[in-house]
Amino acid sequence: MTARMTTMERIAADYAPDLAMRGAAAVPEWTREGEEPFTVYWNKAWTLGERSRLFERFGKELAAGTLSPAMFVETLIIKALDADGKRMFPAESMRRTLMEEARPNTIQRIALAMVGDLNETPSGEAAEGN
């Protein structure tokens, strides 16, 4: 006998393959001599919660195509993962360091790669026509 899936299990199973797709950006600026290249990872799919968080604060900027340094930092806080899939910047207090002590061009480069995935159609939507 097969177990019946609940509605919520079906919803989660539908999106799981998209959530498993990872993006990665090597960050040579954060790599120490003799180490493997430092890499920032992220889930390429944007959940509704992640989208809401970004659009609540930066919707006008995103619509106008004018992206601010604060939006780049927020993107890293929302999306950046380490190699084990754990949030790289889990503490709100890390925002100050990213805003005031990190090289702006490095933060911007990583965030733009992540934001580029914001507009991509997840695999299931394109195939299903949703």
N, C-alpha and C. Protein backbone atom coordinates (compact mmCIF):
# COMPACT_ATOMS: atom_id res chain seq x y z
N MET A 1 0.84 -1.16 0.00
CA MET A 1 0.00 0.00 0.00
C MET A 1 0.90 1.24 0.00
N THR A 2 0.56 2.22 -0.80
CA THR A 2 1.33 3.45 -0.84
C THR A 2 0.70 4.47 0.10
N ALA A 3 1.55 5.22 0.73
CA ALA A 3 1.06 6.26 1.65
C ALA A 3 0.54 7.43 0.83
N ARG A 4 -0.55 7.98 1.29
CA ARG A 4 -1.11 9.16 0.62
C ARG A 4 -0.33 10.40 1.04
N MET A 5 -0.06 11.24 0.08
CA MET A 5 0.62 12.50 0.37
C MET A 5 -0.41 13.54 0.75
N THR A 6 -0.07 14.34 1.74
CA THR A 6 -0.94 15.45 2.10
C THR A 6 -0.79 16.54 1.04
N THR A 7 -1.70 17.46 1.06
CA THR A 7 -1.62 18.58 0.12
C THR A 7 -0.30 19.32 0.28
N MET A 8 0.11 19.60 1.50
CA MET A 8 1.34 20.33 1.74
C MET A 8 2.56 19.54 1.27
N GLU A 9 2.55 18.23 1.44
CA GLU A 9 3.65 17.39 0.95
C GLU A 9 3.73 17.45 -0.57
N ARG A 10 2.57 17.45 -1.23
CA ARG A 10 2.55 17.55 -2.70
C ARG A 10 3.12 18.89 -3.16
N ILE A 11 2.72 19.96 -2.48
CA ILE A 11 3.22 21.30 -2.83
C ILE A 11 4.73 21.36 -2.67
N ALA A 12 5.23 20.88 -1.54
CA ALA A 12 6.67 20.89 -1.29
C ALA A 12 7.43 20.01 -2.28
N ALA A 13 6.88 18.84 -2.61
CA ALA A 13 7.53 17.93 -3.55
C ALA A 13 7.62 18.54 -4.94
N ASP A 14 6.62 19.33 -5.32
CA ASP A 14 6.62 19.96 -6.64
C ASP A 14 7.78 20.94 -6.78
N TYR A 15 8.10 21.67 -5.72
CA TYR A 15 9.11 22.72 -5.78
C TYR A 15 10.50 22.22 -5.41
N ALA A 16 10.60 21.05 -4.79
CA ALA A 16 11.87 20.53 -4.29
C ALA A 16 12.98 20.48 -5.35
N PRO A 17 12.71 20.04 -6.59
CA PRO A 17 13.80 20.01 -7.58
C PRO A 17 14.35 21.41 -7.87
N ASP A 18 13.49 22.41 -7.90
CA ASP A 18 13.96 23.77 -8.14
C ASP A 18 14.80 24.28 -6.98
N LEU A 19 14.38 23.96 -5.75
CA LEU A 19 15.13 24.40 -4.58
C LEU A 19 16.49 23.72 -4.48
N ALA A 20 16.64 22.58 -5.12
CA ALA A 20 17.90 21.85 -5.08
C ALA A 20 18.95 22.42 -6.04
N MET A 21 18.53 23.25 -6.99
CA MET A 21 19.49 23.83 -7.94
C MET A 21 20.30 24.91 -7.23
N ARG A 22 21.61 24.80 -7.32
CA ARG A 22 22.50 25.72 -6.62
C ARG A 22 23.27 26.60 -7.60
N GLY A 23 23.43 27.84 -7.18
CA GLY A 23 24.34 28.75 -7.86
C GLY A 23 25.59 28.85 -7.01
N ALA A 24 26.68 29.30 -7.61
CA ALA A 24 27.92 29.45 -6.86
C ALA A 24 28.75 30.57 -7.48
N ALA A 25 29.45 31.29 -6.62
CA ALA A 25 30.36 32.33 -7.07
C ALA A 25 31.66 32.20 -6.29
N ALA A 26 32.75 32.00 -7.02
CA ALA A 26 34.06 32.01 -6.38
C ALA A 26 34.39 33.44 -6.00
N VAL A 27 34.98 33.60 -4.82
CA VAL A 27 35.31 34.94 -4.33
C VAL A 27 36.80 34.98 -4.00
N PRO A 28 37.63 35.24 -5.03
CA PRO A 28 39.08 35.25 -4.78
C PRO A 28 39.50 36.31 -3.78
N GLU A 29 38.73 37.39 -3.67
CA GLU A 29 39.06 38.45 -2.71
C GLU A 29 38.99 37.95 -1.27
N TRP A 30 38.21 36.92 -1.01
CA TRP A 30 38.04 36.38 0.34
C TRP A 30 38.83 35.09 0.54
N THR A 31 39.69 34.74 -0.40
CA THR A 31 40.48 33.52 -0.33
C THR A 31 41.88 33.85 0.18
N ARG A 32 42.32 33.11 1.16
CA ARG A 32 43.67 33.29 1.67
C ARG A 32 44.63 32.44 0.87
N GLU A 33 45.87 32.88 0.81
CA GLU A 33 46.89 32.18 0.05
C GLU A 33 47.01 30.73 0.52
N GLY A 34 47.05 29.82 -0.44
CA GLY A 34 47.18 28.40 -0.15
C GLY A 34 45.87 27.68 0.11
N GLU A 35 44.75 28.41 0.16
CA GLU A 35 43.44 27.80 0.40
C GLU A 35 42.71 27.55 -0.91
N GLU A 36 41.74 26.66 -0.83
CA GLU A 36 40.82 26.49 -1.95
C GLU A 36 40.07 27.80 -2.14
N PRO A 37 39.63 28.11 -3.36
CA PRO A 37 38.89 29.36 -3.56
C PRO A 37 37.66 29.42 -2.65
N PHE A 38 37.49 30.56 -1.98
CA PHE A 38 36.31 30.79 -1.16
C PHE A 38 35.12 30.89 -2.10
N THR A 39 34.04 30.20 -1.77
CA THR A 39 32.86 30.18 -2.65
C THR A 39 31.61 30.48 -1.85
N VAL A 40 30.77 31.31 -2.43
CA VAL A 40 29.44 31.59 -1.87
C VAL A 40 28.45 30.81 -2.71
N TYR A 41 27.55 30.09 -2.07
CA TYR A 41 26.53 29.30 -2.74
C TYR A 41 25.16 29.91 -2.46
N TRP A 42 24.19 29.55 -3.27
CA TRP A 42 22.80 29.95 -3.02
C TRP A 42 21.87 29.01 -3.77
N ASN A 43 20.65 28.90 -3.26
CA ASN A 43 19.62 28.17 -3.99
C ASN A 43 19.15 29.07 -5.11
N LYS A 44 19.20 28.58 -6.34
CA LYS A 44 18.83 29.41 -7.48
C LYS A 44 17.36 29.81 -7.47
N ALA A 45 16.52 28.93 -6.99
CA ALA A 45 15.09 29.27 -6.90
C ALA A 45 14.89 30.26 -5.75
N TRP A 46 14.02 31.22 -5.96
CA TRP A 46 13.65 32.19 -4.93
C TRP A 46 12.29 31.78 -4.38
N THR A 47 12.22 31.53 -3.08
CA THR A 47 10.93 31.21 -2.48
C THR A 47 10.07 32.47 -2.41
N LEU A 48 8.78 32.28 -2.18
CA LEU A 48 7.91 33.45 -2.03
C LEU A 48 8.32 34.29 -0.82
N GLY A 49 8.76 33.63 0.23
CA GLY A 49 9.22 34.37 1.41
C GLY A 49 10.44 35.23 1.11
N GLU A 50 11.39 34.68 0.37
CA GLU A 50 12.58 35.44 -0.01
C GLU A 50 12.22 36.60 -0.93
N ARG A 51 11.37 36.32 -1.90
CA ARG A 51 10.93 37.39 -2.82
C ARG A 51 10.22 38.50 -2.06
N SER A 52 9.33 38.11 -1.14
CA SER A 52 8.59 39.10 -0.36
C SER A 52 9.54 39.98 0.43
N ARG A 53 10.50 39.35 1.07
CA ARG A 53 11.46 40.11 1.88
C ARG A 53 12.22 41.14 1.04
N LEU A 54 12.64 40.73 -0.15
CA LEU A 54 13.38 41.65 -1.01
C LEU A 54 12.46 42.73 -1.59
N PHE A 55 11.28 42.33 -2.07
CA PHE A 55 10.37 43.30 -2.69
C PHE A 55 9.76 44.27 -1.68
N GLU A 56 9.55 43.84 -0.43
CA GLU A 56 9.03 44.75 0.59
C GLU A 56 9.96 45.93 0.80
N ARG A 57 11.24 45.66 0.79
CA ARG A 57 12.23 46.72 1.03
C ARG A 57 12.69 47.42 -0.24
N PHE A 58 12.72 46.71 -1.37
CA PHE A 58 13.37 47.25 -2.56
C PHE A 58 12.55 47.12 -3.83
N GLY A 59 11.24 46.96 -3.70
CA GLY A 59 10.38 46.77 -4.87
C GLY A 59 10.47 47.89 -5.89
N LYS A 60 10.46 49.13 -5.42
CA LYS A 60 10.53 50.27 -6.35
C LYS A 60 11.86 50.28 -7.09
N GLU A 61 12.94 50.00 -6.38
CA GLU A 61 14.26 49.94 -7.02
C GLU A 61 14.31 48.83 -8.07
N LEU A 62 13.81 47.67 -7.71
CA LEU A 62 13.83 46.54 -8.65
C LEU A 62 13.00 46.86 -9.89
N ALA A 63 11.84 47.48 -9.70
CA ALA A 63 10.97 47.82 -10.83
C ALA A 63 11.62 48.86 -11.73
N ALA A 64 12.35 49.79 -11.12
CA ALA A 64 13.00 50.86 -11.89
C ALA A 64 14.36 50.44 -12.44
N GLY A 65 14.87 49.32 -11.98
CA GLY A 65 16.18 48.86 -12.44
C GLY A 65 17.34 49.62 -11.81
N THR A 66 17.09 50.31 -10.71
CA THR A 66 18.14 51.02 -9.98
C THR A 66 18.40 50.28 -8.68
N LEU A 67 19.48 49.55 -8.64
CA LEU A 67 19.76 48.68 -7.51
C LEU A 67 20.75 49.35 -6.56
N SER A 68 20.43 49.35 -5.27
CA SER A 68 21.25 50.04 -4.28
C SER A 68 22.20 49.09 -3.57
N PRO A 69 23.24 49.65 -2.96
CA PRO A 69 24.13 48.82 -2.14
C PRO A 69 23.39 48.09 -1.02
N ALA A 70 22.40 48.74 -0.42
CA ALA A 70 21.63 48.09 0.64
C ALA A 70 20.89 46.86 0.11
N MET A 71 20.41 46.93 -1.13
CA MET A 71 19.74 45.78 -1.74
C MET A 71 20.72 44.64 -1.99
N PHE A 72 21.94 44.97 -2.38
CA PHE A 72 22.95 43.92 -2.60
C PHE A 72 23.25 43.20 -1.28
N VAL A 73 23.39 43.95 -0.21
CA VAL A 73 23.65 43.35 1.11
C VAL A 73 22.47 42.50 1.54
N GLU A 74 21.26 43.01 1.38
CA GLU A 74 20.07 42.24 1.75
C GLU A 74 20.00 40.93 0.97
N THR A 75 20.37 40.97 -0.30
CA THR A 75 20.37 39.76 -1.13
C THR A 75 21.33 38.72 -0.55
N LEU A 76 22.52 39.14 -0.17
CA LEU A 76 23.47 38.20 0.44
C LEU A 76 22.94 37.64 1.75
N ILE A 77 22.35 38.49 2.57
CA ILE A 77 21.81 38.03 3.85
C ILE A 77 20.71 36.99 3.62
N ILE A 78 19.88 37.21 2.62
CA ILE A 78 18.78 36.29 2.32
C ILE A 78 19.27 34.99 1.71
N LYS A 79 20.19 35.06 0.75
CA LYS A 79 20.51 33.91 -0.10
C LYS A 79 21.82 33.19 0.17
N ALA A 80 22.85 33.86 0.70
CA ALA A 80 24.19 33.26 0.77
C ALA A 80 24.23 32.04 1.68
N LEU A 81 24.81 30.96 1.15
CA LEU A 81 24.97 29.70 1.88
C LEU A 81 26.43 29.28 1.83
N ASP A 82 26.84 28.50 2.83
CA ASP A 82 28.17 27.90 2.78
C ASP A 82 28.09 26.57 2.04
N ALA A 83 29.20 25.88 1.96
CA ALA A 83 29.25 24.61 1.21
C ALA A 83 28.32 23.55 1.79
N ASP A 84 27.98 23.66 3.07
CA ASP A 84 27.08 22.70 3.72
C ASP A 84 25.62 23.09 3.61
N GLY A 85 25.34 24.22 2.93
CA GLY A 85 23.96 24.66 2.77
C GLY A 85 23.42 25.46 3.94
N LYS A 86 24.31 25.91 4.83
CA LYS A 86 23.88 26.71 5.97
C LYS A 86 24.01 28.19 5.62
N ARG A 87 23.12 29.00 6.19
CA ARG A 87 23.16 30.44 5.93
C ARG A 87 24.51 31.01 6.31
N MET A 88 25.08 31.75 5.40
CA MET A 88 26.40 32.33 5.62
C MET A 88 26.33 33.55 6.55
N PHE A 89 25.23 34.29 6.47
CA PHE A 89 25.08 35.51 7.27
C PHE A 89 23.76 35.45 8.05
N PRO A 90 23.68 34.58 9.06
CA PRO A 90 22.41 34.39 9.76
C PRO A 90 22.05 35.50 10.75
N ALA A 91 23.04 36.24 11.23
CA ALA A 91 22.77 37.25 12.25
C ALA A 91 22.53 38.61 11.61
N GLU A 92 21.50 39.26 12.05
CA GLU A 92 21.17 40.61 11.55
C GLU A 92 22.34 41.56 11.77
N SER A 93 23.14 41.31 12.81
CA SER A 93 24.28 42.18 13.11
C SER A 93 25.35 42.15 12.02
N MET A 94 25.32 41.15 11.18
CA MET A 94 26.30 41.04 10.10
C MET A 94 26.07 42.08 9.00
N ARG A 95 24.88 42.65 8.97
CA ARG A 95 24.54 43.66 7.97
C ARG A 95 25.53 44.84 8.02
N ARG A 96 25.86 45.31 9.24
CA ARG A 96 26.77 46.44 9.38
C ARG A 96 28.13 46.14 8.78
N THR A 97 28.66 44.96 9.06
CA THR A 97 29.96 44.58 8.52
C THR A 97 29.90 44.55 7.00
N LEU A 98 28.86 43.95 6.44
CA LEU A 98 28.73 43.89 4.99
C LEU A 98 28.58 45.29 4.38
N MET A 99 27.86 46.16 5.06
CA MET A 99 27.63 47.52 4.54
C MET A 99 28.86 48.42 4.69
N GLU A 100 29.63 48.23 5.77
CA GLU A 100 30.68 49.19 6.07
C GLU A 100 32.10 48.67 5.96
N GLU A 101 32.27 47.34 5.94
CA GLU A 101 33.64 46.82 5.95
C GLU A 101 33.98 45.92 4.78
N ALA A 102 32.99 45.59 3.97
CA ALA A 102 33.23 44.71 2.81
C ALA A 102 33.45 45.55 1.56
N ARG A 103 34.23 45.01 0.65
CA ARG A 103 34.51 45.69 -0.62
C ARG A 103 33.21 45.76 -1.44
N PRO A 104 32.73 46.97 -1.75
CA PRO A 104 31.45 47.11 -2.46
C PRO A 104 31.35 46.34 -3.78
N ASN A 105 32.42 46.35 -4.57
CA ASN A 105 32.36 45.66 -5.86
C ASN A 105 32.21 44.15 -5.71
N THR A 106 32.79 43.60 -4.65
CA THR A 106 32.67 42.17 -4.40
C THR A 106 31.23 41.81 -4.01
N ILE A 107 30.66 42.58 -3.08
CA ILE A 107 29.27 42.35 -2.66
C ILE A 107 28.34 42.49 -3.86
N GLN A 108 28.55 43.51 -4.66
CA GLN A 108 27.69 43.75 -5.83
C GLN A 108 27.78 42.61 -6.83
N ARG A 109 28.99 42.13 -7.11
CA ARG A 109 29.16 41.04 -8.08
C ARG A 109 28.42 39.78 -7.65
N ILE A 110 28.54 39.40 -6.39
CA ILE A 110 27.88 38.20 -5.90
C ILE A 110 26.36 38.39 -5.91
N ALA A 111 25.90 39.53 -5.42
CA ALA A 111 24.46 39.80 -5.34
C ALA A 111 23.82 39.84 -6.73
N LEU A 112 24.50 40.42 -7.70
CA LEU A 112 23.93 40.47 -9.05
C LEU A 112 23.77 39.07 -9.64
N ALA A 113 24.68 38.17 -9.33
CA ALA A 113 24.53 36.79 -9.78
C ALA A 113 23.29 36.17 -9.15
N MET A 114 23.06 36.45 -7.88
CA MET A 114 21.89 35.92 -7.18
C MET A 114 20.59 36.54 -7.70
N VAL A 115 20.59 37.84 -7.88
CA VAL A 115 19.40 38.54 -8.37
C VAL A 115 19.07 38.11 -9.80
N GLY A 116 20.07 37.75 -10.57
CA GLY A 116 19.82 37.26 -11.93
C GLY A 116 18.92 36.05 -11.93
N ASP A 117 19.00 35.25 -10.87
CA ASP A 117 18.15 34.06 -10.77
C ASP A 117 16.72 34.41 -10.37
N LEU A 118 16.50 35.63 -9.89
CA LEU A 118 15.17 36.05 -9.43
C LEU A 118 14.14 36.02 -10.56
N ASN A 119 14.57 36.31 -11.78
CA ASN A 119 13.64 36.38 -12.90
C ASN A 119 13.57 35.12 -13.75
N GLU A 120 14.40 34.13 -13.42
CA GLU A 120 14.36 32.89 -14.19
C GLU A 120 13.13 32.08 -13.83
N THR A 121 12.54 31.43 -14.83
CA THR A 121 11.37 30.59 -14.61
C THR A 121 11.84 29.24 -14.10
N PRO A 122 11.33 28.81 -12.94
CA PRO A 122 11.69 27.48 -12.46
C PRO A 122 11.33 26.41 -13.48
N SER A 123 12.05 25.31 -13.46
CA SER A 123 11.88 24.26 -14.46
C SER A 123 10.46 23.75 -14.57
N GLY A 124 9.78 23.55 -13.47
CA GLY A 124 8.42 23.02 -13.50
C GLY A 124 7.43 23.95 -14.16
N GLU A 125 7.58 25.27 -13.95
CA GLU A 125 6.64 26.22 -14.53
C GLU A 125 6.73 26.24 -16.04
N ALA A 126 7.93 26.18 -16.57
CA ALA A 126 8.08 26.23 -18.03
C ALA A 126 7.47 24.98 -18.66
N ALA A 127 7.71 23.84 -18.03
CA ALA A 127 7.22 22.58 -18.59
C ALA A 127 5.71 22.44 -18.48
N GLU A 128 5.15 22.94 -17.38
CA GLU A 128 3.74 22.77 -17.12
C GLU A 128 2.87 23.88 -17.70
N GLY A 129 3.51 25.00 -18.04
CA GLY A 129 2.75 26.12 -18.58
C GLY A 129 1.99 26.87 -17.51
N ASN A 130 2.46 26.83 -16.25
CA ASN A 130 1.79 27.53 -15.14
C ASN A 130 2.18 28.98 -15.10
